[in-house]
Amino acid sequence: MVKRIDVSVLVVGFGSIGSLIVYALNRVGIEPAVVSRSTPRGRAIRTPGGSSVELRAEVSTWDSLGDRWDYVFVTTKAYDALDVVRRLRGIDFKLAVFTQNGLKVLEVAEEVLGVDSVAQLVLNHGVFCNEELREFVWVGGTRSYLGMKRRIRSELYELAKYLKVLDVVVVDDIEPYRWLKLAVNASINALTAILGVPNGFLIKSAELVNVVKKVAGEVSEVARGLGVELPSDPVAEVLKVAEKTANNISSMLSDLRRCRKTEVDFINGAVVEFGRSLSIPTPYNELLYSLVKSLELVCRSV
């Protein structure tokens, strides 16, 4: 029996990432409150070992939430997270942690909530919803990173302990890791969404590996233009994540299958936007961005 930890945690969003955060918190004795815009698609998660575990959380609404929390995890899609940032202005909390793919959300959160009140979790794990079984499936992953931009708070280490099952470490500057994850997302999410394949398919083809090199290389060049040096080789990171999460269905592919808006504007679109501002060509990211946006249009047209 895990001893219950007396800490108040709110998880905003009960999708794939939200379910994984709830599972990690449950493992150390925390039963968070969860606020979700829609009815949760599942209340259980299947672990890499094959066990199905019920998730323990109090599902609530914004109107019935308390106004004081120790920690808030924002796990919604990037475009929804911008609205969550505005809602958090009326809530008292120690630290809000954002998990979104891509760029822009953390920047808006810093501007609205203050740079000392927000952090980013760069989560390198694959998890998707099995609609038939109504459960989330965690396929595993690699080391993940928690931090702020060029600053640190002691609470980050406490949070890392709560998330220890996800192999989370605290870093003194999250920015290089955000850009490394951007290289992963720009390559894996967009390509799998366009091709309609799980992550592992990308490492089966020399032609696709070559595209990965081009996409990730562009992200690295743009980051360098902004003064950000990636902590490791982005191509090697993409291939490692694709292998570790081979059976995962990327969030972008899942969104297209359900005719939902994707986060491509915050991922490949952000690379293109920053590239233009620096006069750095990003033709591969621009092509992937255009193709995913076109698939969104096709989906809405049928």
C-alpha atoms as a PDB file:
ATOM      1  CA  MET A   1       0.000   0.000   0.000  1.00  0.00           C
ATOM      2  CA  VAL A   2       1.507   3.340  -1.084  1.00  0.00           C
ATOM      3  CA  LYS A   3       1.434   5.996   1.624  1.00  0.00           C
ATOM      4  CA  ARG A   4      -0.659   8.990   0.616  1.00  0.00           C
ATOM      5  CA  ILE A   5       1.277  12.248   0.136  1.00  0.00           C
ATOM      6  CA  ASP A   6      -0.383  15.381   1.464  1.00  0.00           C
ATOM      7  CA  VAL A   7       0.029  17.693  -1.508  1.00  0.00           C
ATOM      8  CA  SER A   8      -2.625  19.323  -3.669  1.00  0.00           C
ATOM      9  CA  VAL A   9      -2.127  18.743  -7.383  1.00  0.00           C
ATOM     10  CA  LEU A  10      -4.369  19.770 -10.258  1.00  0.00           C
ATOM     11  CA  VAL A  11      -4.050  18.157 -13.682  1.00  0.00           C
ATOM     12  CA  VAL A  12      -5.684  20.110 -16.501  1.00  0.00           C
ATOM     13  CA  GLY A  13      -6.602  17.712 -19.278  1.00  0.00           C
ATOM     14  CA  PHE A  14      -7.327  13.986 -19.042  1.00  0.00           C
ATOM     15  CA  GLY A  15      -6.092  12.842 -22.420  1.00  0.00           C
ATOM     16  CA  SER A  16      -3.051  10.709 -23.142  1.00  0.00           C
ATOM     17  CA  ILE A  17      -0.464  12.887 -21.403  1.00  0.00           C
ATOM     18  CA  GLY A  18      -2.800  13.757 -18.541  1.00  0.00           C
ATOM     19  CA  SER A  19      -3.430  10.066 -17.898  1.00  0.00           C
ATOM     20  CA  LEU A  20       0.322   9.370 -17.773  1.00  0.00           C
ATOM     21  CA  ILE A  21       0.875  12.201 -15.284  1.00  0.00           C
ATOM     22  CA  VAL A  22      -1.988  10.913 -13.108  1.00  0.00           C
ATOM     23  CA  TYR A  23      -0.490   7.409 -13.215  1.00  0.00           C
ATOM     24  CA  ALA A  24       2.940   8.698 -12.162  1.00  0.00           C
ATOM     25  CA  LEU A  25       1.384  10.680  -9.289  1.00  0.00           C
ATOM     26  CA  ASN A  26      -0.694   7.683  -8.182  1.00  0.00           C
ATOM     27  CA  ARG A  27       2.482   5.608  -7.995  1.00  0.00           C
ATOM     28  CA  VAL A  28       3.845   7.824  -5.202  1.00  0.00           C
ATOM     29  CA  GLY A  29       0.564   8.216  -3.318  1.00  0.00           C
ATOM     30  CA  ILE A  30      -0.922  11.361  -4.881  1.00  0.00           C
ATOM     31  CA  GLU A  31      -4.517  11.411  -6.098  1.00  0.00           C
ATOM     32  CA  PRO A  32      -4.845  14.646  -8.058  1.00  0.00           C
ATOM     33  CA  ALA A  33      -7.879  16.573  -9.080  1.00  0.00           C
ATOM     34  CA  VAL A  34      -8.460  16.602 -12.824  1.00  0.00           C
ATOM     35  CA  VAL A  35     -10.385  19.132 -14.863  1.00  0.00           C
ATOM     36  CA  SER A  36     -11.266  18.104 -18.400  1.00  0.00           C
ATOM     37  CA  ARG A  37     -13.172  19.863 -21.150  1.00  0.00           C
ATOM     38  CA  SER A  38     -14.855  16.613 -22.178  1.00  0.00           C
ATOM     39  CA  THR A  39     -15.686  13.220 -20.693  1.00  0.00           C
ATOM     40  CA  PRO A  40     -12.450  11.243 -20.205  1.00  0.00           C
ATOM     41  CA  ARG A  41     -11.973   8.605 -22.910  1.00  0.00           C
ATOM     42  CA  GLY A  42     -10.586   6.181 -20.353  1.00  0.00           C
ATOM     43  CA  ARG A  43      -9.895   5.757 -16.657  1.00  0.00           C
ATOM     44  CA  ALA A  44      -7.176   3.123 -16.916  1.00  0.00           C
ATOM     45  CA  ILE A  45      -3.680   2.953 -18.378  1.00  0.00           C
ATOM     46  CA  ARG A  46      -1.842  -0.077 -19.734  1.00  0.00           C
ATOM     47  CA  THR A  47       1.819  -0.077 -18.763  1.00  0.00           C
ATOM     48  CA  PRO A  48       4.737  -1.272 -20.919  1.00  0.00           C
ATOM     49  CA  GLY A  49       4.690  -4.482 -18.881  1.00  0.00           C
ATOM     50  CA  GLY A  50       1.127  -5.199 -20.002  1.00  0.00           C
ATOM     51  CA  SER A  51      -0.729  -4.435 -16.756  1.00  0.00           C
ATOM     52  CA  SER A  52      -3.923  -2.387 -16.857  1.00  0.00           C
ATOM     53  CA  VAL A  53      -4.020   0.039 -13.929  1.00  0.00           C
ATOM     54  CA  GLU A  54      -7.039   2.054 -12.813  1.00  0.00           C
ATOM     55  CA  LEU A  55      -6.309   5.776 -12.521  1.00  0.00           C
ATOM     56  CA  ARG A  56      -7.248   7.442  -9.247  1.00  0.00           C
ATOM     57  CA  ALA A  57      -8.293  11.060  -9.628  1.00  0.00           C
ATOM     58  CA  GLU A  58     -11.181  13.334  -8.735  1.00  0.00           C
ATOM     59  CA  VAL A  59     -12.628  14.594 -12.015  1.00  0.00           C
ATOM     60  CA  SER A  60     -14.025  18.082 -11.578  1.00  0.00           C
ATOM     61  CA  THR A  61     -15.024  21.224 -13.492  1.00  0.00           C
ATOM     62  CA  TRP A  62     -13.497  24.675 -13.491  1.00  0.00           C
ATOM     63  CA  ASP A  63     -16.481  26.084 -11.605  1.00  0.00           C
ATOM     64  CA  SER A  64     -16.190  23.588  -8.745  1.00  0.00           C
ATOM     65  CA  LEU A  65     -12.405  23.743  -8.321  1.00  0.00           C
ATOM     66  CA  GLY A  66     -10.722  25.186  -5.265  1.00  0.00           C
ATOM     67  CA  ASP A  67      -8.610  28.292  -5.712  1.00  0.00           C
ATOM     68  CA  ARG A  68      -5.412  27.081  -3.982  1.00  0.00           C
ATOM     69  CA  TRP A  69      -3.077  24.389  -5.332  1.00  0.00           C
ATOM     70  CA  ASP A  70       0.496  23.394  -4.724  1.00  0.00           C
ATOM     71  CA  TYR A  71       1.128  22.300  -8.310  1.00  0.00           C
ATOM     72  CA  VAL A  72      -0.736  22.467 -11.603  1.00  0.00           C
ATOM     73  CA  PHE A  73       0.070  20.272 -14.599  1.00  0.00           C
ATOM     74  CA  VAL A  74      -1.310  21.598 -17.892  1.00  0.00           C
ATOM     75  CA  THR A  75      -1.486  18.622 -20.277  1.00  0.00           C
ATOM     76  CA  THR A  76      -3.962  19.840 -22.899  1.00  0.00           C
ATOM     77  CA  LYS A  77      -3.217  20.395 -26.561  1.00  0.00           C
ATOM     78  CA  ALA A  78      -1.112  23.490 -27.223  1.00  0.00           C
ATOM     79  CA  TYR A  79      -3.983  25.517 -28.678  1.00  0.00           C
ATOM     80  CA  ASP A  80      -6.186  24.773 -25.636  1.00  0.00           C
ATOM     81  CA  ALA A  81      -3.333  25.503 -23.226  1.00  0.00           C
ATOM     82  CA  LEU A  82      -3.396  29.166 -24.225  1.00  0.00           C
ATOM     83  CA  ASP A  83      -6.922  29.430 -22.770  1.00  0.00           C
ATOM     84  CA  VAL A  84      -5.837  27.500 -19.651  1.00  0.00           C
ATOM     85  CA  VAL A  85      -3.100  30.088 -19.056  1.00  0.00           C
ATOM     86  CA  ARG A  86      -5.740  32.811 -18.845  1.00  0.00           C
ATOM     87  CA  ARG A  87      -7.832  30.721 -16.425  1.00  0.00           C
ATOM     88  CA  LEU A  88      -4.850  30.195 -14.148  1.00  0.00           C
ATOM     89  CA  ARG A  89      -4.626  33.912 -13.477  1.00  0.00           C
ATOM     90  CA  GLY A  90      -7.512  33.465 -11.013  1.00  0.00           C
ATOM     91  CA  ILE A  91      -5.945  30.514  -9.162  1.00  0.00           C
ATOM     92  CA  ASP A  92      -3.314  30.546  -6.415  1.00  0.00           C
ATOM     93  CA  PHE A  93      -0.558  27.978  -7.002  1.00  0.00           C
ATOM     94  CA  LYS A  94       3.148  27.437  -6.336  1.00  0.00           C
ATOM     95  CA  LEU A  95       4.143  26.280  -9.789  1.00  0.00           C
ATOM     96  CA  ALA A  96       2.427  25.437 -13.076  1.00  0.00           C
ATOM     97  CA  VAL A  97       4.081  22.813 -15.292  1.00  0.00           C
ATOM     98  CA  PHE A  98       3.330  22.726 -19.020  1.00  0.00           C
ATOM     99  CA  THR A  99       3.783  19.588 -21.119  1.00  0.00           C
ATOM    100  CA  GLN A 100       2.839  20.788 -24.604  1.00  0.00           C
ATOM    101  CA  ASN A 101       4.693  19.876 -27.766  1.00  0.00           C
ATOM    102  CA  GLY A 102       6.381  22.634 -29.712  1.00  0.00           C
ATOM    103  CA  LEU A 103       6.908  26.287 -28.842  1.00  0.00           C
ATOM    104  CA  LYS A 104       4.867  29.384 -27.892  1.00  0.00           C
ATOM    105  CA  VAL A 105       2.817  28.058 -24.950  1.00  0.00           C
ATOM    106  CA  LEU A 106       5.573  28.479 -22.335  1.00  0.00           C
ATOM    107  CA  GLU A 107       6.320  31.947 -23.681  1.00  0.00           C
ATOM    108  CA  VAL A 108       2.680  33.017 -23.281  1.00  0.00           C
ATOM    109  CA  ALA A 109       2.539  31.446 -19.799  1.00  0.00           C
ATOM    110  CA  GLU A 110       5.654  33.364 -18.735  1.00  0.00           C
ATOM    111  CA  GLU A 111       4.162  36.612 -19.964  1.00  0.00           C
ATOM    112  CA  VAL A 112       0.764  36.104 -18.306  1.00  0.00           C
ATOM    113  CA  LEU A 113       1.686  34.235 -15.099  1.00  0.00           C
ATOM    114  CA  GLY A 114       5.285  35.342 -14.537  1.00  0.00           C
ATOM    115  CA  VAL A 115       8.584  33.652 -15.352  1.00  0.00           C
ATOM    116  CA  ASP A 116       9.041  32.361 -11.793  1.00  0.00           C
ATOM    117  CA  SER A 117       5.644  30.622 -11.737  1.00  0.00           C
ATOM    118  CA  VAL A 118       5.900  28.331 -14.767  1.00  0.00           C
ATOM    119  CA  ALA A 119       8.043  25.394 -15.837  1.00  0.00           C
ATOM    120  CA  GLN A 120       8.172  22.959 -18.751  1.00  0.00           C
ATOM    121  CA  LEU A 121       8.186  19.171 -18.675  1.00  0.00           C
ATOM    122  CA  VAL A 122       9.830  17.802 -21.812  1.00  0.00           C
ATOM    123  CA  LEU A 123       8.232  14.370 -21.774  1.00  0.00           C
ATOM    124  CA  ASN A 124       9.891  11.753 -23.967  1.00  0.00           C
ATOM    125  CA  HIS A 125       7.311   9.004 -23.599  1.00  0.00           C
ATOM    126  CA  GLY A 126       4.740   7.536 -25.963  1.00  0.00           C
ATOM    127  CA  VAL A 127       1.127   7.150 -24.842  1.00  0.00           C
ATOM    128  CA  PHE A 128      -2.101   6.915 -26.821  1.00  0.00           C
ATOM    129  CA  CYS A 129      -5.742   6.029 -26.280  1.00  0.00           C
ATOM    130  CA  ASN A 130      -7.086   2.634 -27.305  1.00  0.00           C
ATOM    131  CA  GLU A 131     -10.624   3.719 -28.187  1.00  0.00           C
ATOM    132  CA  GLU A 132     -11.949   0.161 -28.358  1.00  0.00           C
ATOM    133  CA  LEU A 133     -10.787  -0.775 -24.862  1.00  0.00           C
ATOM    134  CA  ARG A 134     -11.310   2.763 -23.513  1.00  0.00           C
ATOM    135  CA  GLU A 135      -7.905   2.801 -21.892  1.00  0.00           C
ATOM    136  CA  PHE A 136      -4.650   4.631 -22.429  1.00  0.00           C
ATOM    137  CA  VAL A 137      -1.581   2.714 -23.553  1.00  0.00           C
ATOM    138  CA  TRP A 138       1.863   3.765 -22.355  1.00  0.00           C
ATOM    139  CA  VAL A 139       4.454   2.245 -24.658  1.00  0.00           C
ATOM    140  CA  GLY A 140       7.504   3.498 -22.752  1.00  0.00           C
ATOM    141  CA  GLY A 141      10.072   6.127 -23.546  1.00  0.00           C
ATOM    142  CA  THR A 142      13.363   7.725 -22.565  1.00  0.00           C
ATOM    143  CA  ARG A 143      14.672  10.216 -20.012  1.00  0.00           C
ATOM    144  CA  SER A 144      12.533  13.333 -19.630  1.00  0.00           C
ATOM    145  CA  TYR A 145      13.470  16.821 -18.460  1.00  0.00           C
ATOM    146  CA  LEU A 146      11.903  19.353 -16.106  1.00  0.00           C
ATOM    147  CA  GLY A 147      13.008  22.954 -15.812  1.00  0.00           C
ATOM    148  CA  MET A 148      12.593  26.651 -16.409  1.00  0.00           C
ATOM    149  CA  LYS A 149      14.385  29.113 -18.664  1.00  0.00           C
ATOM    150  CA  ARG A 150      17.789  29.896 -17.123  1.00  0.00           C
ATOM    151  CA  ARG A 151      16.483  29.704 -13.555  1.00  0.00           C
ATOM    152  CA  ILE A 152      15.615  27.044 -11.036  1.00  0.00           C
ATOM    153  CA  ARG A 153      13.315  26.512  -8.052  1.00  0.00           C
ATOM    154  CA  SER A 154      13.655  23.926  -5.304  1.00  0.00           C
ATOM    155  CA  GLU A 155      10.094  22.728  -5.984  1.00  0.00           C
ATOM    156  CA  LEU A 156      11.286  21.258  -9.283  1.00  0.00           C
ATOM    157  CA  TYR A 157      13.208  18.562  -7.437  1.00  0.00           C
ATOM    158  CA  GLU A 158      10.114  17.659  -5.432  1.00  0.00           C
ATOM    159  CA  LEU A 159       8.096  17.334  -8.618  1.00  0.00           C
ATOM    160  CA  ALA A 160      10.787  15.188 -10.227  1.00  0.00           C
ATOM    161  CA  LYS A 161      10.472  12.763  -7.303  1.00  0.00           C
ATOM    162  CA  TYR A 162       6.716  12.577  -7.844  1.00  0.00           C
ATOM    163  CA  LEU A 163       7.361  11.696 -11.511  1.00  0.00           C
ATOM    164  CA  LYS A 164      10.221   9.270 -10.906  1.00  0.00           C
ATOM    165  CA  VAL A 165       8.555   6.406 -12.797  1.00  0.00           C
ATOM    166  CA  LEU A 166       8.972   8.562 -15.929  1.00  0.00           C
ATOM    167  CA  ASP A 167      12.726   9.058 -15.336  1.00  0.00           C
ATOM    168  CA  VAL A 168      12.431  12.839 -14.978  1.00  0.00           C
ATOM    169  CA  VAL A 169      15.526  14.902 -14.174  1.00  0.00           C
ATOM    170  CA  VAL A 170      15.775  18.610 -13.347  1.00  0.00           C
ATOM    171  CA  VAL A 171      17.886  20.850 -15.601  1.00  0.00           C
ATOM    172  CA  ASP A 172      19.027  24.430 -15.007  1.00  0.00           C
ATOM    173  CA  ASP A 173      17.863  25.603 -18.441  1.00  0.00           C
ATOM    174  CA  ILE A 174      14.994  23.844 -20.207  1.00  0.00           C
ATOM    175  CA  GLU A 175      15.406  25.669 -23.521  1.00  0.00           C
ATOM    176  CA  PRO A 176      17.951  23.328 -25.195  1.00  0.00           C
ATOM    177  CA  TYR A 177      15.766  20.337 -24.281  1.00  0.00           C
ATOM    178  CA  ARG A 178      12.636  22.022 -25.652  1.00  0.00           C
ATOM    179  CA  TRP A 179      14.385  22.471 -28.994  1.00  0.00           C
ATOM    180  CA  LEU A 180      15.675  18.909 -28.966  1.00  0.00           C
ATOM    181  CA  LYS A 181      12.121  17.685 -28.362  1.00  0.00           C
ATOM    182  CA  LEU A 182      10.946  20.032 -31.125  1.00  0.00           C
ATOM    183  CA  ALA A 183      13.299  18.231 -33.530  1.00  0.00           C
ATOM    184  CA  VAL A 184      11.751  14.925 -32.434  1.00  0.00           C
ATOM    185  CA  ASN A 185       8.170  16.158 -32.797  1.00  0.00           C
ATOM    186  CA  ALA A 186       8.804  17.942 -36.097  1.00  0.00           C
ATOM    187  CA  SER A 187      10.174  14.705 -37.555  1.00  0.00           C
ATOM    188  CA  ILE A 188       8.096  11.941 -35.980  1.00  0.00           C
ATOM    189  CA  ASN A 189       4.694  13.575 -35.538  1.00  0.00           C
ATOM    190  CA  ALA A 190       4.444  15.134 -38.968  1.00  0.00           C
ATOM    191  CA  LEU A 191       5.820  12.170 -40.903  1.00  0.00           C
ATOM    192  CA  THR A 192       3.725   9.556 -39.095  1.00  0.00           C
ATOM    193  CA  ALA A 193       0.633  11.728 -39.467  1.00  0.00           C
ATOM    194  CA  ILE A 194       1.146  12.068 -43.217  1.00  0.00           C
ATOM    195  CA  LEU A 195       1.973   8.394 -43.751  1.00  0.00           C
ATOM    196  CA  GLY A 196      -0.541   7.027 -41.239  1.00  0.00           C
ATOM    197  CA  VAL A 197       2.011   4.781 -39.517  1.00  0.00           C
ATOM    198  CA  PRO A 198       3.283   4.181 -35.950  1.00  0.00           C
ATOM    199  CA  ASN A 199       6.552   5.793 -34.861  1.00  0.00           C
ATOM    200  CA  GLY A 200       8.737   2.759 -35.451  1.00  0.00           C
ATOM    201  CA  PHE A 201       8.004   2.710 -39.185  1.00  0.00           C
ATOM    202  CA  LEU A 202      10.321   5.687 -39.679  1.00  0.00           C
ATOM    203  CA  ILE A 203      13.437   3.670 -38.878  1.00  0.00           C
ATOM    204  CA  LYS A 204      12.569   0.921 -41.349  1.00  0.00           C
ATOM    205  CA  SER A 205      13.233   3.008 -44.447  1.00  0.00           C
ATOM    206  CA  ALA A 206      16.517   4.601 -45.525  1.00  0.00           C
ATOM    207  CA  GLU A 207      14.530   7.204 -47.434  1.00  0.00           C
ATOM    208  CA  LEU A 208      12.561   8.195 -44.330  1.00  0.00           C
ATOM    209  CA  VAL A 209      15.704   8.301 -42.200  1.00  0.00           C
ATOM    210  CA  ASN A 210      17.126  10.730 -44.764  1.00  0.00           C
ATOM    211  CA  VAL A 211      14.025  12.942 -44.425  1.00  0.00           C
ATOM    212  CA  VAL A 212      14.402  12.817 -40.627  1.00  0.00           C
ATOM    213  CA  LYS A 213      17.977  14.061 -41.008  1.00  0.00           C
ATOM    214  CA  LYS A 214      16.818  16.998 -43.112  1.00  0.00           C
ATOM    215  CA  VAL A 215      13.913  17.974 -40.825  1.00  0.00           C
ATOM    216  CA  ALA A 216      15.902  17.653 -37.593  1.00  0.00           C
ATOM    217  CA  GLY A 217      18.860  19.429 -39.180  1.00  0.00           C
ATOM    218  CA  GLU A 218      16.692  22.439 -39.995  1.00  0.00           C
ATOM    219  CA  VAL A 219      15.447  22.594 -36.389  1.00  0.00           C
ATOM    220  CA  SER A 220      19.043  22.502 -35.155  1.00  0.00           C
ATOM    221  CA  GLU A 221      20.063  25.323 -37.505  1.00  0.00           C
ATOM    222  CA  VAL A 222      17.186  27.550 -36.392  1.00  0.00           C
ATOM    223  CA  ALA A 223      17.938  26.844 -32.724  1.00  0.00           C
ATOM    224  CA  ARG A 224      21.585  27.732 -33.292  1.00  0.00           C
ATOM    225  CA  GLY A 225      20.481  30.944 -34.974  1.00  0.00           C
ATOM    226  CA  LEU A 226      18.637  31.828 -31.757  1.00  0.00           C
ATOM    227  CA  GLY A 227      21.676  31.037 -29.639  1.00  0.00           C
ATOM    228  CA  VAL A 228      20.418  27.643 -28.437  1.00  0.00           C
ATOM    229  CA  GLU A 229      22.798  24.683 -28.623  1.00  0.00           C
ATOM    230  CA  LEU A 230      21.035  21.313 -28.511  1.00  0.00           C
ATOM    231  CA  PRO A 231      22.244  18.986 -25.725  1.00  0.00           C
ATOM    232  CA  SER A 232      22.701  16.032 -28.088  1.00  0.00           C
ATOM    233  CA  ASP A 233      22.566  15.126 -31.769  1.00  0.00           C
ATOM    234  CA  PRO A 234      18.952  15.700 -32.891  1.00  0.00           C
ATOM    235  CA  VAL A 235      18.975  12.995 -35.587  1.00  0.00           C
ATOM    236  CA  ALA A 236      20.230  10.370 -33.136  1.00  0.00           C
ATOM    237  CA  GLU A 237      17.562  11.517 -30.663  1.00  0.00           C
ATOM    238  CA  VAL A 238      14.763  11.216 -33.220  1.00  0.00           C
ATOM    239  CA  LEU A 239      15.845   7.712 -34.210  1.00  0.00           C
ATOM    240  CA  LYS A 240      16.201   6.652 -30.558  1.00  0.00           C
ATOM    241  CA  VAL A 241      12.730   7.927 -29.662  1.00  0.00           C
ATOM    242  CA  ALA A 242      11.227   6.289 -32.766  1.00  0.00           C
ATOM    243  CA  GLU A 243      12.765   2.975 -31.712  1.00  0.00           C
ATOM    244  CA  LYS A 244      11.782   3.288 -28.024  1.00  0.00           C
ATOM    245  CA  THR A 245       8.190   4.228 -28.923  1.00  0.00           C
ATOM    246  CA  ALA A 246       7.913   2.046 -32.027  1.00  0.00           C
ATOM    247  CA  ASN A 247       4.307   0.986 -31.366  1.00  0.00           C
ATOM    248  CA  ASN A 248       3.094   4.437 -30.427  1.00  0.00           C
ATOM    249  CA  ILE A 249       0.542   6.347 -32.486  1.00  0.00           C
ATOM    250  CA  SER A 250       1.719   9.962 -32.486  1.00  0.00           C
ATOM    251  CA  SER A 251      -0.669  12.601 -31.209  1.00  0.00           C
ATOM    252  CA  MET A 252      -0.744  14.253 -34.625  1.00  0.00           C
ATOM    253  CA  LEU A 253      -1.760  11.037 -36.365  1.00  0.00           C
ATOM    254  CA  SER A 254      -4.354  10.383 -33.667  1.00  0.00           C
ATOM    255  CA  ASP A 255      -5.778  13.867 -34.169  1.00  0.00           C
ATOM    256  CA  LEU A 256      -6.059  13.431 -37.929  1.00  0.00           C
ATOM    257  CA  ARG A 257      -7.733  10.054 -37.527  1.00  0.00           C
ATOM    258  CA  ARG A 258     -10.363  11.710 -35.348  1.00  0.00           C
ATOM    259  CA  CYS A 259     -10.627  14.791 -37.607  1.00  0.00           C
ATOM    260  CA  ARG A 260      -9.302  17.028 -34.867  1.00  0.00           C
ATOM    261  CA  LYS A 261      -7.080  20.063 -35.170  1.00  0.00           C
ATOM    262  CA  THR A 262      -3.377  19.179 -34.886  1.00  0.00           C
ATOM    263  CA  GLU A 263      -0.530  20.999 -33.119  1.00  0.00           C
ATOM    264  CA  VAL A 264       1.466  21.418 -36.327  1.00  0.00           C
ATOM    265  CA  ASP A 265       1.353  25.234 -36.015  1.00  0.00           C
ATOM    266  CA  PHE A 266       3.293  24.965 -32.749  1.00  0.00           C
ATOM    267  CA  ILE A 267       5.769  22.408 -34.134  1.00  0.00           C
ATOM    268  CA  ASN A 268       6.776  22.541 -37.819  1.00  0.00           C
ATOM    269  CA  GLY A 269       4.972  25.861 -38.193  1.00  0.00           C
ATOM    270  CA  ALA A 270       7.059  27.358 -35.382  1.00  0.00           C
ATOM    271  CA  VAL A 271      10.267  26.150 -37.042  1.00  0.00           C
ATOM    272  CA  VAL A 272       9.237  27.813 -40.300  1.00  0.00           C
ATOM    273  CA  GLU A 273       8.246  31.036 -38.516  1.00  0.00           C
ATOM    274  CA  PHE A 274      11.515  31.345 -36.603  1.00  0.00           C
ATOM    275  CA  GLY A 275      13.480  30.335 -39.695  1.00  0.00           C
ATOM    276  CA  ARG A 276      11.961  33.152 -41.719  1.00  0.00           C
ATOM    277  CA  SER A 277      12.730  35.682 -38.981  1.00  0.00           C
ATOM    278  CA  LEU A 278      16.380  34.576 -39.105  1.00  0.00           C
ATOM    279  CA  SER A 279      16.536  34.154 -42.915  1.00  0.00           C
ATOM    280  CA  ILE A 280      17.285  30.436 -42.412  1.00  0.00           C
ATOM    281  CA  PRO A 281      15.639  28.206 -45.060  1.00  0.00           C
ATOM    282  CA  THR A 282      13.443  25.408 -43.700  1.00  0.00           C
ATOM    283  CA  PRO A 283      12.002  23.765 -46.858  1.00  0.00           C
ATOM    284  CA  TYR A 284      11.459  20.318 -45.314  1.00  0.00           C
ATOM    285  CA  ASN A 285       9.575  21.647 -42.309  1.00  0.00           C
ATOM    286  CA  GLU A 286       7.581  23.956 -44.567  1.00  0.00           C
ATOM    287  CA  LEU A 287       6.573  21.036 -46.794  1.00  0.00           C
ATOM    288  CA  LEU A 288       5.524  18.881 -43.824  1.00  0.00           C
ATOM    289  CA  TYR A 289       3.601  21.807 -42.352  1.00  0.00           C
ATOM    290  CA  SER A 290       1.739  22.391 -45.631  1.00  0.00           C
ATOM    291  CA  LEU A 291       0.905  18.697 -46.030  1.00  0.00           C
ATOM    292  CA  VAL A 292      -0.463  18.328 -42.492  1.00  0.00           C
ATOM    293  CA  LYS A 293      -2.540  21.505 -42.850  1.00  0.00           C
ATOM    294  CA  SER A 294      -3.853  20.124 -46.134  1.00  0.00           C
ATOM    295  CA  LEU A 295      -4.821  16.850 -44.420  1.00  0.00           C
ATOM    296  CA  GLU A 296      -6.695  18.867 -41.791  1.00  0.00           C
ATOM    297  CA  LEU A 297      -8.613  20.556 -44.616  1.00  0.00           C
ATOM    298  CA  VAL A 298      -9.332  17.251 -46.348  1.00  0.00           C
ATOM    299  CA  CYS A 299     -10.654  15.857 -43.077  1.00  0.00           C
ATOM    300  CA  ARG A 300     -13.031  18.783 -42.605  1.00  0.00           C
ATOM    301  CA  SER A 301     -14.210  18.520 -46.217  1.00  0.00           C
ATOM    302  CA  VAL A 302     -15.346  14.889 -46.228  1.00  0.00           C
END
